[in-house]
Amino acid sequence: HFIVVNKRLEPMERFLAWMVSHVKQVQMDV
């Protein structure tokens, strides 16, 4: 069960990591 949840959250974690890095980059540009 835990492994299945991990596999489901992996794409979300990648997306959240991308969002965080994107927001940081935008804040630096401003």
PDB file of N, CA and C in Angstrom:
ATOM      1  N   HIS A   1       0.848  -1.206   0.000  1.00  0.00           N
ATOM      2  CA  HIS A   1       0.000   0.000   0.000  1.00  0.00           C
ATOM      3  C   HIS A   1       0.878   1.248   0.000  1.00  0.00           C
ATOM      4  N   PHE A   2       1.886   1.240   0.864  1.00  0.00           N
ATOM      5  CA  PHE A   2       2.753   2.420   0.957  1.00  0.00           C
ATOM      6  C   PHE A   2       3.490   2.653  -0.363  1.00  0.00           C
ATOM      7  N   ILE A   3       3.912   1.544  -0.992  1.00  0.00           N
ATOM      8  CA  ILE A   3       4.642   1.672  -2.258  1.00  0.00           C
ATOM      9  C   ILE A   3       3.716   2.245  -3.329  1.00  0.00           C
ATOM     10  N   VAL A   4       2.462   1.789  -3.339  1.00  0.00           N
ATOM     11  CA  VAL A   4       1.513   2.298  -4.336  1.00  0.00           C
ATOM     12  C   VAL A   4       1.305   3.795  -4.134  1.00  0.00           C
ATOM     13  N   VAL A   5       1.159   4.213  -2.888  1.00  0.00           N
ATOM     14  CA  VAL A   5       0.970   5.644  -2.612  1.00  0.00           C
ATOM     15  C   VAL A   5       2.202   6.420  -3.059  1.00  0.00           C
ATOM     16  N   ASN A   6       3.384   5.855  -2.803  1.00  0.00           N
ATOM     17  CA  ASN A   6       4.615   6.527  -3.206  1.00  0.00           C
ATOM     18  C   ASN A   6       4.639   6.720  -4.722  1.00  0.00           C
ATOM     19  N   LYS A   7       4.269   5.683  -5.468  1.00  0.00           N
ATOM     20  CA  LYS A   7       4.293   5.794  -6.926  1.00  0.00           C
ATOM     21  C   LYS A   7       3.284   6.838  -7.393  1.00  0.00           C
ATOM     22  N   ARG A   8       2.172   6.960  -6.687  1.00  0.00           N
ATOM     23  CA  ARG A   8       1.169   7.950  -7.089  1.00  0.00           C
ATOM     24  C   ARG A   8       1.618   9.366  -6.748  1.00  0.00           C
ATOM     25  N   LEU A   9       2.366   9.507  -5.660  1.00  0.00           N
ATOM     26  CA  LEU A   9       2.788  10.844  -5.235  1.00  0.00           C
ATOM     27  C   LEU A   9       4.040  11.311  -5.981  1.00  0.00           C
ATOM     28  N   GLU A  10       4.763  10.373  -6.579  1.00  0.00           N
ATOM     29  CA  GLU A  10       6.015  10.765  -7.236  1.00  0.00           C
ATOM     30  C   GLU A  10       5.788  11.865  -8.269  1.00  0.00           C
ATOM     31  N   PRO A  11       4.825  11.731  -9.185  1.00  0.00           N
ATOM     32  CA  PRO A  11       4.585  12.804 -10.166  1.00  0.00           C
ATOM     33  C   PRO A  11       4.217  14.114  -9.480  1.00  0.00           C
ATOM     34  N   MET A  12       3.423  14.053  -8.422  1.00  0.00           N
ATOM     35  CA  MET A  12       3.038  15.281  -7.719  1.00  0.00           C
ATOM     36  C   MET A  12       4.262  15.926  -7.081  1.00  0.00           C
ATOM     37  N   GLU A  13       5.140  15.097  -6.493  1.00  0.00           N
ATOM     38  CA  GLU A  13       6.340  15.657  -5.864  1.00  0.00           C
ATOM     39  C   GLU A  13       7.210  16.335  -6.916  1.00  0.00           C
ATOM     40  N   ARG A  14       7.304  15.717  -8.093  1.00  0.00           N
ATOM     41  CA  ARG A  14       8.098  16.338  -9.164  1.00  0.00           C
ATOM     42  C   ARG A  14       7.459  17.650  -9.579  1.00  0.00           C
ATOM     43  N   PHE A  15       6.111  17.659  -9.680  1.00  0.00           N
ATOM     44  CA  PHE A  15       5.404  18.873 -10.083  1.00  0.00           C
ATOM     45  C   PHE A  15       5.590  19.964  -9.031  1.00  0.00           C
ATOM     46  N   LEU A  16       5.463  19.587  -7.756  1.00  0.00           N
ATOM     47  CA  LEU A  16       5.625  20.585  -6.684  1.00  0.00           C
ATOM     48  C   LEU A  16       7.055  21.118  -6.689  1.00  0.00           C
ATOM     49  N   ALA A  17       8.024  20.243  -6.902  1.00  0.00           N
ATOM     50  CA  ALA A  17       9.421  20.673  -6.925  1.00  0.00           C
ATOM     51  C   ALA A  17       9.632  21.654  -8.076  1.00  0.00           C
ATOM     52  N   TRP A  18       8.988  21.389  -9.230  1.00  0.00           N
ATOM     53  CA  TRP A  18       9.097  22.289 -10.375  1.00  0.00           C
ATOM     54  C   TRP A  18       8.449  23.631 -10.055  1.00  0.00           C
ATOM     55  N   MET A  19       7.282  23.585  -9.410  1.00  0.00           N
ATOM     56  CA  MET A  19       6.586  24.824  -9.053  1.00  0.00           C
ATOM     57  C   MET A  19       7.444  25.660  -8.107  1.00  0.00           C
ATOM     58  N   VAL A  20       8.038  25.010  -7.100  1.00  0.00           N
ATOM     59  CA  VAL A  20       8.872  25.742  -6.133  1.00  0.00           C
ATOM     60  C   VAL A  20      10.046  26.403  -6.843  1.00  0.00           C
ATOM     61  N   SER A  21      10.734  25.658  -7.690  1.00  0.00           N
ATOM     62  CA  SER A  21      11.893  26.219  -8.396  1.00  0.00           C
ATOM     63  C   SER A  21      11.439  27.326  -9.345  1.00  0.00           C
ATOM     64  N   HIS A  22      10.269  27.164  -9.974  1.00  0.00           N
ATOM     65  CA  HIS A  22       9.755  28.174 -10.902  1.00  0.00           C
ATOM     66  C   HIS A  22       9.420  29.453 -10.141  1.00  0.00           C
ATOM     67  N   VAL A  23       8.736  29.307  -9.009  1.00  0.00           N
ATOM     68  CA  VAL A  23       8.370  30.492  -8.206  1.00  0.00           C
ATOM     69  C   VAL A  23       9.627  31.209  -7.720  1.00  0.00           C
ATOM     70  N   LYS A  24      10.624  30.452  -7.279  1.00  0.00           N
ATOM     71  CA  LYS A  24      11.869  31.075  -6.808  1.00  0.00           C
ATOM     72  C   LYS A  24      12.525  31.851  -7.944  1.00  0.00           C
ATOM     73  N   GLN A  25      12.504  31.277  -9.146  1.00  0.00           N
ATOM     74  CA  GLN A  25      13.121  31.948 -10.287  1.00  0.00           C
ATOM     75  C   GLN A  25      12.370  33.236 -10.603  1.00  0.00           C
ATOM     76  N   VAL A  26      11.038  33.192 -10.541  1.00  0.00           N
ATOM     77  CA  VAL A  26      10.234  34.386 -10.821  1.00  0.00           C
ATOM     78  C   VAL A  26      10.523  35.461  -9.779  1.00  0.00           C
ATOM     79  N   GLN A  27      10.612  35.072  -8.520  1.00  0.00           N
ATOM     80  CA  GLN A  27      10.882  36.048  -7.459  1.00  0.00           C
ATOM     81  C   GLN A  27      12.256  36.685  -7.671  1.00  0.00           C
ATOM     82  N   MET A  28      13.227  35.898  -8.128  1.00  0.00           N
ATOM     83  CA  MET A  28      14.567  36.438  -8.364  1.00  0.00           C
ATOM     84  C   MET A  28      14.537  37.420  -9.522  1.00  0.00           C
ATOM     85  N   ASP A  29      13.749  37.127 -10.568  1.00  0.00           N
ATOM     86  CA  ASP A  29      13.662  38.024 -11.718  1.00  0.00           C
ATOM     87  C   ASP A  29      13.033  39.353 -11.296  1.00  0.00           C
ATOM     88  N   VAL A  30      12.060  39.285 -10.384  1.00  0.00           N
ATOM     89  CA  VAL A  30      11.399  40.519  -9.936  1.00  0.00           C
ATOM     90  C   VAL A  30      12.313  41.209  -8.914  1.00  0.00           C
TER      91      VAL A  30
END
